[in-house]
Amino acid sequence: MITSKEVAKAANVSVSTVSRVFSNPVLVNKATIEKVEAIAKQLHYVPNIAARNLKLNKSGIIGVVQSDLNNTFYAFILREIFPEINKHNYRLFTVFSEENADLENSSISTLVASNVEILIFTPVQSRSKYIENVILKNRICSLQLYRRTYDKIDSLTIDDAYGTYLATIELLENNHRNIVLIDYELEIPTNREIGYKRAFKEKGLSYPSRNIIHISPSDDYHEIIAQKLDEIKPTAIIPVSSIFASSTISYLKQKKLKIKDDVSLIIYDDVSYAEFMDLTVVRHPLHEIAETAANMVFQRIANFDMEPVHKMIMPSLLKRDSVKRI
């Protein structure tokens, strides 16, 4: 590996000058910067960020604990967050908890042991004193993303109850009554069921309780969705994740049922195929979520001891052409 010492020798400058060129260039004149950068490029030199951060008592690492490897929504958010954190020269390390409390504990422990400066995680258990203590006592700048479990740790959540309310109201106003909601069964409630029930109540209707399908991450969701939809034969379906949406679309295709003509469909998240298939979606403002998350963690770095900040972002309904009026 090419070292700063080799670059310094080739450029006929000191090692400290090479270091300043890549860490604090305002202290170096323009001609020297251009010479050192040219030599560095010629030698294929890559600055040692870890060594530099060690001197500054910083790791330059943001640790992310994703709760669901298969949920594409998390990948979309990380894709949006990355440019924001890249502006601050941080590196992103991602691990997974897979909605498992033990795995969440060990993943967070691993990241803290790796000296992460920032921790972004989606809680998968109602409350863990272990996690709370590890984060706060090690003074890790942390953000709960999508779910709020710890009052003393910053959180950025999405009003999922409102998102489901918007979808359900849209279907009810198009005269659907046999509406299926496909949601997760998690230790931390998603609250989507609340929005579903609210919409029926506002219309003066009783909701069909059997139409609320809860699926655990460990369940065979393909089989459960097919079985429940066979039994209920709904006129409209609201799957709350890209996984459930894909499984629902596969089921409809297998049964030779056309979206809109036979079964209306409103899915969560404006995934890549949603526009192509002209699907109405509960839309999350991805860029706003990413920008807000980045701002929150860097504000916490600037002032670790400020009061905890809790923010909620509202989803919206993007209407296309997958809902039939009956």
Foldseek 3Di string as FASTA:
>chain_A
DDDLCVLCVVLVHDSVQLVCLVVPVVVDDPVSNVSSVVSCVVVVNDDDPCVVCVVVVARLEEEEEAAAPPFCVVVLLCVLQVVLSVVVVHDYHYHYQVLPPVSVLVSLVVVVVVVHQEYEYADQALDDPSSVCSCVVSLRLYEHEQDDRDQQHAYEHALLLQLLLQVLLVQVVLVFQLEAEEEEDGNGDNNVVVSNCVNCVVVVHGHDVLRYHYHYSPDPLLVVVLVSCVVSVGQEYEYETPVNVVSVVVSCVVVVHDQAVRHFYEYEDPDPCCVVSFHKYFYDPSNVSSVVVSVSSVVCVVPVPDGHHYYYDYTDIDHTRRHYRD
